């Protein structure tokens, strides 16, 4: 049996129907405690966005169809892309008391969707995300050991994202738009296609 590739080590988008090693966090989200697929490091967004709670972002590429239907139903039909972008796996417990996340555990999960489809249209309305885009515009991305671009904001490895016709990707954590040819942040939530 061939070794499964870790999703953070991909240099191209994951293939729908294929299995990968994906970090998951067993935590309550949308009414259920499940091992949710997550991406990027655990972090806060206090500096530009004003979100002080530690959180992970859910990787919608590895959510099951049943999970997506249930979450969208609980959100009164709002699309999963907007839900995932605006509702991270945050450390808020019952009564407002923070509950720490357990460490991520790698699980073998099947890719269900090819991309993230960050909802730029929704993010334009969020002042903190506009401030973030302004603060990072023009910054260069780093590269990981495999040579993949890494978003300069929170360190998300961008290698698993498909560039658009202009050679750009949108970081699924906070919507920064990055030119993959130059490795430069060219905008964010206000950078329409």
Protein backbone atom coordinates (compact mmCIF):
# COMPACT_ATOMS: atom_id res chain seq x y z
CA UNK A 1 0.00 0.00 0.00
CA UNK A 2 1.52 3.37 -1.01
CA UNK A 3 2.19 5.93 1.68
CA UNK A 4 -0.50 8.61 1.92
CA UNK A 5 0.63 12.15 1.27
CA UNK A 6 0.07 14.76 3.98
CA UNK A 7 -2.21 17.53 2.74
CA UNK A 8 0.26 20.22 3.94
CA UNK A 9 2.97 18.72 1.71
CA UNK A 10 1.01 18.90 -1.54
CA UNK A 11 2.40 20.92 -4.43
CA UNK A 12 -0.90 20.78 -6.34
CA UNK A 13 -4.56 20.57 -5.33
CA UNK A 14 -5.74 17.31 -3.79
CA UNK A 15 -7.60 14.98 -6.12
CA UNK A 16 -11.29 14.54 -5.34
CA UNK A 17 -11.89 10.94 -4.28
CA UNK A 18 -8.28 10.38 -3.15
CA UNK A 19 -7.22 9.87 0.46
CA UNK A 20 -4.71 12.04 2.32
CA UNK A 21 -3.35 12.46 5.81
CA UNK A 22 -5.22 15.45 7.21
CA UNK A 23 -4.87 17.12 10.63
CA UNK A 24 -8.11 16.88 12.61
CA UNK A 25 -9.19 18.34 15.93
CA UNK A 26 -11.79 16.64 18.12
CA UNK A 27 -13.86 19.60 19.20
CA UNK A 28 -17.46 20.91 19.33
CA UNK A 29 -18.54 22.80 16.20
CA UNK A 30 -22.06 23.30 14.90
CA UNK A 31 -23.64 21.15 17.56
CA UNK A 32 -21.38 18.10 17.31
CA UNK A 33 -18.11 16.96 18.77
CA UNK A 34 -16.28 15.44 15.83
CA UNK A 35 -12.76 15.14 14.48
CA UNK A 36 -12.96 18.18 12.19
CA UNK A 37 -10.40 18.53 9.38
CA UNK A 38 -8.32 21.65 9.97
CA UNK A 39 -5.76 23.65 8.02
CA UNK A 40 -3.00 26.00 8.99
CA UNK A 41 -1.66 26.52 12.48
CA UNK A 42 -3.75 27.30 15.56
CA UNK A 43 -3.64 31.08 15.99
CA UNK A 44 -5.40 34.25 17.05
CA UNK A 45 -6.24 37.19 14.81
CA UNK A 46 -6.04 39.96 17.35
CA UNK A 47 -3.66 42.23 15.44
CA UNK A 48 -5.76 43.19 12.39
CA UNK A 49 -9.06 41.39 12.68
CA UNK A 50 -9.69 41.77 16.41
CA UNK A 51 -10.44 38.09 17.01
CA UNK A 52 -8.58 37.20 20.21
CA UNK A 53 -9.59 33.55 20.65
CA UNK A 54 -7.28 30.76 19.59
CA UNK A 55 -8.73 28.88 16.66
CA UNK A 56 -8.20 26.56 13.73
CA UNK A 57 -9.79 26.90 10.32
CA UNK A 58 -11.85 23.98 9.06
CA UNK A 59 -10.66 22.48 5.76
CA UNK A 60 -13.88 22.16 3.78
CA UNK A 61 -12.19 19.99 1.14
CA UNK A 62 -12.40 17.08 3.59
CA UNK A 63 -15.86 17.59 5.08
CA UNK A 64 -18.32 14.83 4.21
CA UNK A 65 -21.48 15.61 2.26
CA UNK A 66 -23.54 14.78 5.36
CA UNK A 67 -21.51 17.21 7.49
CA UNK A 68 -21.95 19.98 4.92
CA UNK A 69 -25.72 19.43 4.63
CA UNK A 70 -26.14 19.47 8.43
CA UNK A 71 -24.02 22.61 8.90
CA UNK A 72 -25.78 24.46 6.07
CA UNK A 73 -29.17 23.45 7.52
CA UNK A 74 -28.15 24.79 10.95
CA UNK A 75 -27.06 28.02 9.23
CA UNK A 76 -30.42 28.46 7.50
CA UNK A 77 -29.08 27.53 4.06
CA UNK A 78 -26.00 29.75 4.07
CA UNK A 79 -23.29 28.27 1.81
CA UNK A 80 -20.52 26.19 3.35
CA UNK A 81 -17.77 28.43 1.92
CA UNK A 82 -19.03 31.45 3.86
CA UNK A 83 -19.60 29.41 6.99
CA UNK A 84 -16.09 27.95 7.01
CA UNK A 85 -14.50 31.36 6.29
CA UNK A 86 -16.39 33.17 9.04
CA UNK A 87 -16.82 30.53 11.77
CA UNK A 88 -13.48 29.03 12.78
CA UNK A 89 -13.06 26.24 15.30
CA UNK A 90 -12.64 28.71 18.19
CA UNK A 91 -11.95 28.05 21.85
CA UNK A 92 -15.34 29.22 23.11
CA UNK A 93 -17.12 26.89 25.46
CA UNK A 94 -20.43 26.89 27.23
CA UNK A 95 -20.98 29.99 29.31
CA UNK A 96 -18.27 31.85 27.37
CA UNK A 97 -15.47 29.93 29.10
CA UNK A 98 -12.61 29.02 26.82
CA UNK A 99 -11.89 25.35 26.28
CA UNK A 100 -8.42 24.56 24.91
CA UNK A 101 -8.17 22.55 21.72
CA UNK A 102 -6.57 19.13 21.88
CA UNK A 103 -3.53 18.64 19.67
CA UNK A 104 -4.37 17.82 16.05
CA UNK A 105 -4.42 14.14 15.12
CA UNK A 106 -3.63 12.98 11.59
CA UNK A 107 -6.44 10.99 9.99
CA UNK A 108 -6.88 9.36 6.60
CA UNK A 109 -9.61 11.38 4.91
CA UNK A 110 -11.02 11.48 1.41
CA UNK A 111 -10.94 14.75 -0.50
CA UNK A 112 -14.55 15.70 -1.30
CA UNK A 113 -14.05 19.10 -2.97
CA UNK A 114 -11.30 20.40 -5.21
CA UNK A 115 -10.96 23.90 -3.81
CA UNK A 116 -11.70 26.33 -1.04
CA UNK A 117 -13.65 28.99 -2.93
CA UNK A 118 -12.94 31.68 -0.34
CA UNK A 119 -16.02 33.96 -0.29
CA UNK A 120 -14.37 37.25 -1.25
CA UNK A 121 -17.79 38.86 -1.69
CA UNK A 122 -18.64 38.24 2.00
CA UNK A 123 -15.22 39.18 3.30
CA UNK A 124 -15.34 42.63 1.67
CA UNK A 125 -17.85 43.60 4.34
CA UNK A 126 -15.52 42.77 7.22
CA UNK A 127 -13.41 45.77 8.21
CA UNK A 128 -10.74 43.67 9.91
CA UNK A 129 -10.12 41.63 6.78
CA UNK A 130 -9.77 44.81 4.71
CA UNK A 131 -7.20 46.11 7.23
CA UNK A 132 -5.33 42.81 7.00
CA UNK A 133 -5.22 42.99 3.17
CA UNK A 134 -3.89 46.56 3.33
CA UNK A 135 -1.24 45.63 5.92
CA UNK A 136 0.08 42.66 3.90
CA UNK A 137 -0.20 44.05 0.36
CA UNK A 138 3.23 43.89 -1.28
CA UNK A 139 4.75 41.45 1.21
CA UNK A 140 6.63 38.44 -0.09
CA UNK A 141 5.70 34.87 0.78
CA UNK A 142 8.27 32.52 2.22
CA UNK A 143 8.78 28.97 0.99
CA UNK A 144 8.74 25.70 2.90
CA UNK A 145 11.38 22.97 2.58
CA UNK A 146 9.62 21.55 -0.49
CA UNK A 147 9.65 24.96 -2.19
CA UNK A 148 5.91 25.68 -1.83
CA UNK A 149 4.80 29.24 -1.13
CA UNK A 150 3.76 29.99 2.46
CA UNK A 151 1.33 32.82 3.24
CA UNK A 152 3.16 35.53 5.23
CA UNK A 153 0.20 36.14 7.55
CA UNK A 154 -0.27 32.84 9.43
CA UNK A 155 1.98 30.42 7.57
CA UNK A 156 -0.55 28.45 5.52
CA UNK A 157 1.22 26.37 2.85
CA UNK A 158 -0.28 27.43 -0.48
CA UNK A 159 0.98 24.49 -2.56
CA UNK A 160 -2.36 22.66 -2.45
CA UNK A 161 -4.24 25.55 -4.09
CA UNK A 162 -4.90 25.87 -7.83
CA UNK A 163 -3.86 29.26 -9.27
CA UNK A 164 -6.48 31.08 -11.33
CA UNK A 165 -5.90 32.24 -14.93
CA UNK A 166 -3.85 35.19 -13.62
CA UNK A 167 -1.57 32.90 -11.60
CA UNK A 168 -3.12 33.93 -8.28
CA UNK A 169 -4.39 32.00 -5.28
CA UNK A 170 -6.49 33.16 -2.34
CA UNK A 171 -5.31 31.99 1.07
CA UNK A 172 -8.29 30.17 2.60
CA UNK A 173 -7.49 31.33 6.13
CA UNK A 174 -8.18 35.07 5.69
CA UNK A 175 -8.54 35.82 1.98
CA UNK A 176 -5.14 37.30 1.08
CA UNK A 177 -4.61 37.14 -2.67
CA UNK A 178 -1.14 36.02 -3.72
CA UNK A 179 0.54 36.11 -7.12
CA UNK A 180 2.18 32.67 -7.38
CA UNK A 181 4.58 33.83 -10.11
CA UNK A 182 6.17 36.51 -7.91
CA UNK A 183 5.25 35.18 -4.45
CA UNK A 184 3.82 38.58 -3.54
CA UNK A 185 0.59 39.46 -1.72
CA UNK A 186 -1.30 41.55 -4.26
CA UNK A 187 -4.40 42.26 -2.25
CA UNK A 188 -7.09 40.56 -0.38
CA UNK A 189 -10.75 40.89 0.22
CA UNK A 190 -11.08 43.94 -2.02
CA UNK A 191 -9.28 42.31 -4.96
CA UNK A 192 -12.15 41.21 -7.16
CA UNK A 193 -11.60 38.86 -10.07
